[in-house]
Protein backbone atom coordinates (compact mmCIF):
# COMPACT_ATOMS: atom_id res chain seq x y z
CA MET A 1 11.83 -43.75 -95.42
CA ARG A 2 15.04 -43.42 -93.44
CA LEU A 3 15.68 -42.65 -89.80
CA TYR A 4 18.46 -40.28 -88.71
CA ALA A 5 19.46 -40.03 -85.06
CA TYR A 6 22.11 -37.95 -83.32
CA VAL A 7 23.10 -36.70 -79.88
CA VAL A 8 22.07 -33.14 -79.01
CA THR A 9 24.87 -31.73 -76.86
CA HIS A 10 23.75 -28.08 -76.99
CA ASP A 11 19.98 -27.77 -76.74
CA THR A 12 19.58 -24.00 -77.11
CA GLY A 13 16.52 -23.72 -79.35
CA PHE A 14 18.81 -22.95 -82.29
CA ALA A 15 19.42 -26.38 -83.86
CA PRO A 16 16.73 -27.57 -83.90
CA ASN A 17 14.55 -24.48 -83.69
CA PRO A 18 11.07 -25.57 -82.51
CA PHE A 19 9.34 -22.17 -82.50
CA HIS A 20 6.61 -20.40 -84.47
CA GLY A 21 4.77 -23.60 -85.38
CA TYR A 22 7.62 -25.30 -87.21
CA CYS A 23 10.57 -27.43 -86.16
CA THR A 24 13.48 -26.53 -88.42
CA LEU A 25 17.02 -27.82 -88.76
CA ALA A 26 18.88 -25.07 -90.60
CA THR A 27 22.38 -25.23 -89.14
CA CYS A 28 24.84 -27.87 -87.88
CA LYS A 29 24.55 -31.54 -88.98
CA PRO A 30 25.24 -30.84 -92.68
CA GLY A 31 25.28 -34.58 -93.41
CA ILE A 32 21.70 -35.01 -92.23
CA ARG A 33 20.52 -31.82 -93.90
CA GLU A 34 22.07 -32.96 -97.17
CA ARG A 35 20.65 -36.48 -97.18
CA ALA A 36 17.29 -36.45 -95.38
CA GLU A 37 14.27 -36.48 -97.68
CA VAL A 38 10.58 -35.77 -97.23
CA GLY A 39 9.09 -38.58 -95.17
CA ASP A 40 12.30 -39.33 -93.27
CA TRP A 41 12.54 -38.97 -89.50
CA VAL A 42 15.18 -36.98 -87.64
CA LEU A 43 15.52 -37.37 -83.90
CA GLY A 44 17.84 -35.85 -81.34
CA VAL A 45 18.65 -37.78 -78.19
CA GLY A 46 20.11 -36.50 -74.94
CA SER A 47 23.76 -36.58 -73.97
CA THR A 48 25.47 -38.00 -70.92
CA GLN A 49 27.09 -34.65 -70.14
CA ASN A 50 23.63 -33.08 -69.84
CA THR A 51 22.31 -36.00 -67.75
CA GLN A 52 19.81 -36.71 -70.53
CA ALA A 53 21.23 -39.98 -71.83
CA GLY A 54 18.45 -42.40 -72.76
CA LYS A 55 16.02 -39.56 -73.39
CA LEU A 56 14.49 -37.96 -76.48
CA ILE A 57 14.98 -34.21 -76.96
CA TYR A 58 12.98 -33.95 -80.19
CA ALA A 59 11.79 -35.78 -83.27
CA MET A 60 10.56 -34.43 -86.59
CA ARG A 61 9.19 -36.05 -89.71
CA VAL A 62 10.63 -34.11 -92.63
CA GLU A 63 7.80 -32.49 -94.58
CA GLN A 64 9.73 -29.99 -96.67
CA SER A 65 13.26 -28.88 -97.49
CA MET A 66 14.45 -25.64 -99.06
CA THR A 67 17.59 -23.69 -99.80
CA PHE A 68 18.99 -21.09 -97.44
CA ASP A 69 18.01 -18.34 -99.88
CA ASP A 70 14.41 -19.54 -100.09
CA TYR A 71 14.24 -19.93 -96.30
CA TRP A 72 15.53 -16.38 -95.86
CA THR A 73 12.76 -14.90 -98.02
CA ASP A 74 9.83 -17.22 -97.19
CA ARG A 75 7.22 -15.19 -95.31
CA ARG A 76 6.46 -18.13 -92.99
CA PHE A 77 9.92 -18.01 -91.47
CA GLN A 78 10.60 -14.31 -90.96
CA LEU A 79 10.12 -14.71 -87.19
CA LYS A 80 12.94 -17.26 -87.25
CA LYS A 81 15.44 -14.55 -88.14
CA PRO A 82 17.39 -13.81 -84.94
CA SER A 83 16.93 -10.63 -82.97
CA PRO A 84 20.11 -10.30 -80.84
CA ASN A 85 18.45 -7.80 -78.49
CA GLY A 86 15.18 -9.69 -78.13
CA ASP A 87 14.05 -12.39 -75.72
CA GLU A 88 15.61 -15.86 -75.78
CA GLU A 89 13.16 -17.17 -78.36
CA SER A 90 14.05 -14.30 -80.67
CA ARG A 91 17.79 -14.58 -80.11
CA CYS A 92 17.92 -18.26 -81.06
CA GLY A 93 16.45 -17.79 -84.54
CA ASP A 94 18.06 -20.11 -87.11
CA ASN A 95 17.20 -18.19 -90.30
CA ILE A 96 20.69 -16.69 -90.60
CA TYR A 97 22.02 -17.37 -94.11
CA HIS A 98 21.53 -15.97 -97.59
CA ARG A 99 23.76 -15.16 -100.52
CA HIS A 100 24.81 -11.58 -101.24
CA PRO A 101 22.92 -10.52 -104.40
CA ASP A 102 26.04 -9.09 -106.03
CA SER A 103 28.99 -11.21 -104.87
CA GLY A 104 27.16 -14.49 -104.28
CA GLU A 105 29.07 -14.88 -101.00
CA TRP A 106 27.31 -16.22 -97.93
CA VAL A 107 25.97 -13.60 -95.54
CA GLN A 108 25.61 -14.75 -91.92
CA ALA A 109 23.18 -12.70 -89.82
CA PRO A 110 24.18 -11.97 -86.20
CA GLY A 111 22.98 -14.83 -84.02
CA TYR A 112 24.09 -17.92 -82.17
CA HIS A 113 26.63 -18.86 -84.84
CA SER A 114 28.22 -15.45 -85.20
CA LEU A 115 31.16 -14.21 -83.15
CA ALA A 116 30.47 -12.54 -79.80
CA ASN A 117 30.71 -9.11 -81.46
CA GLY A 118 28.09 -10.07 -84.05
CA CYS A 119 30.53 -10.55 -86.92
CA PRO A 120 30.36 -13.72 -89.05
CA ASN A 121 32.16 -16.78 -87.69
CA PRO A 122 34.06 -18.16 -90.72
CA ARG A 123 34.47 -21.64 -89.21
CA LEU A 124 30.75 -22.07 -88.61
CA VAL A 125 29.83 -20.50 -91.95
CA ASP A 126 31.95 -23.20 -93.60
CA ILE A 127 30.32 -25.98 -91.57
CA ASP A 128 26.73 -24.80 -92.04
CA THR A 129 27.00 -24.07 -95.76
CA LYS A 130 28.42 -27.50 -96.60
CA SER A 131 24.76 -28.25 -97.13
CA PRO A 132 22.79 -25.02 -97.74
CA ARG A 133 19.53 -26.80 -97.08
CA VAL A 134 16.88 -26.50 -94.35
CA LEU A 135 14.67 -29.33 -93.08
CA ILE A 136 11.16 -28.26 -92.07
CA SER A 137 8.34 -29.96 -90.19
CA GLU A 138 5.01 -29.23 -88.56
CA HIS A 139 4.84 -32.92 -87.57
CA PHE A 140 7.20 -32.90 -84.60
CA VAL A 141 7.58 -33.16 -80.86
CA TYR A 142 10.10 -31.12 -78.92
CA TYR A 143 10.64 -31.78 -75.20
CA GLY A 144 13.78 -29.76 -74.45
CA LYS A 145 14.58 -29.74 -70.76
CA SER A 146 11.70 -32.19 -70.15
CA ALA A 147 13.28 -34.79 -72.41
CA THR A 148 11.22 -37.99 -72.40
CA ASN A 149 12.51 -41.50 -71.77
CA ILE A 150 13.30 -43.73 -74.73
CA PRO A 151 11.41 -47.03 -74.22
CA SER A 152 13.53 -49.92 -72.97
CA HIS A 153 12.72 -52.16 -75.95
CA ILE A 154 14.39 -49.52 -78.13
CA MET A 155 17.13 -48.41 -75.77
CA PHE A 156 18.23 -51.98 -75.03
CA TYR A 157 17.29 -53.62 -78.31
CA ASP A 158 20.67 -55.34 -78.51
CA GLU A 159 23.43 -55.34 -75.89
CA LYS A 160 25.97 -55.02 -78.71
CA ASP A 161 23.98 -52.39 -80.60
CA ARG A 162 22.73 -49.89 -78.04
CA PHE A 163 20.61 -46.98 -79.17
CA THR A 164 23.13 -44.51 -77.77
CA GLY A 165 26.74 -43.47 -77.93
CA PHE A 166 26.91 -42.95 -81.71
CA ARG A 167 29.12 -40.22 -83.12
CA ASN A 168 27.97 -37.59 -85.61
CA TYR A 169 24.73 -39.35 -86.57
CA ARG A 170 23.36 -42.78 -87.32
CA CYS A 171 20.97 -44.05 -89.99
CA ASN A 172 21.83 -47.75 -90.35
CA PHE A 173 19.45 -49.32 -87.85
CA PRO A 174 18.40 -52.97 -88.00
CA PRO A 175 14.98 -53.18 -89.68
CA ALA A 176 13.20 -54.41 -86.56
CA LEU A 177 14.69 -51.66 -84.38
CA GLU A 178 13.85 -49.03 -86.98
CA ARG A 179 10.26 -50.28 -87.04
CA TYR A 180 10.04 -50.03 -83.22
CA ILE A 181 11.41 -46.48 -83.29
CA VAL A 182 9.07 -45.27 -86.03
CA GLU A 183 6.03 -46.83 -84.32
CA TRP A 184 7.00 -45.02 -81.11
CA LEU A 185 7.53 -41.71 -82.92
CA GLN A 186 4.22 -42.00 -84.75
CA ASP A 187 2.50 -42.48 -81.40
CA LEU A 188 4.28 -39.48 -79.85
CA THR A 189 3.48 -37.18 -82.75
CA GLN A 190 -0.25 -37.82 -82.62
CA SER A 191 -0.09 -34.75 -80.35
CA PRO A 192 2.61 -32.69 -82.09
CA GLY A 193 4.24 -29.51 -80.87
CA ARG A 194 6.68 -28.04 -78.36
CA TYR A 195 6.29 -29.24 -74.79
CA ASP A 196 8.96 -27.28 -72.93
CA THR A 197 11.77 -24.76 -73.30
CA PRO A 198 15.33 -25.64 -74.38
CA THR A 199 17.64 -27.29 -71.88
CA HIS A 200 20.33 -24.62 -72.15
CA TRP A 201 18.34 -21.44 -72.05
CA ASN A 202 19.96 -18.98 -69.64
CA SER A 203 23.28 -20.71 -70.29
CA THR A 204 26.40 -18.70 -71.07
CA ASN A 205 27.44 -21.35 -73.61
CA ASN A 206 24.73 -20.85 -76.22
CA ARG A 207 26.66 -20.30 -79.42
CA SER A 208 27.12 -23.92 -80.45
CA CYS A 209 24.79 -26.74 -81.41
């Protein structure tokens, strides 16, 4: 079991996507999506710029992973395909990639990672497809704009090793700190599910993650 943590700067409901009974990480963070295995934990913590530092946005225990192509066709995740003209939950769908059956090139559906006119965004296609793999969980908590406080014994475990401020992501926690975090997450996820809406819904800056 490994623990992956990162700062969520754009909490739009896109990455992660906590809707329709599953928390999925299908875009952004290619390093985590490439390395995380079933049984690992992924957690997103709040950022200073969003006044959510020291808070937990979401946590998921990875229960399954699949390729973009399998995610695109799996009947369980058809509602996670974005509907640009739908409500906010529909617009933030993360099921946006599959390979063209003839050329084998990546097809990006119109959504949060496409250009404003709905055309594919080549830069984000390159980033997302570095690891064409989706992490999936029904064992998750998502707090969004009601991000919950990280306990002080975790947050301030070591003055020289704060549980905050890391770049990209972190997975090299001291064993004792990792144990404290997992115990806390196991307690939280005894009542799994989504507890609130994303922090940045109704924001004009909703095309990043």
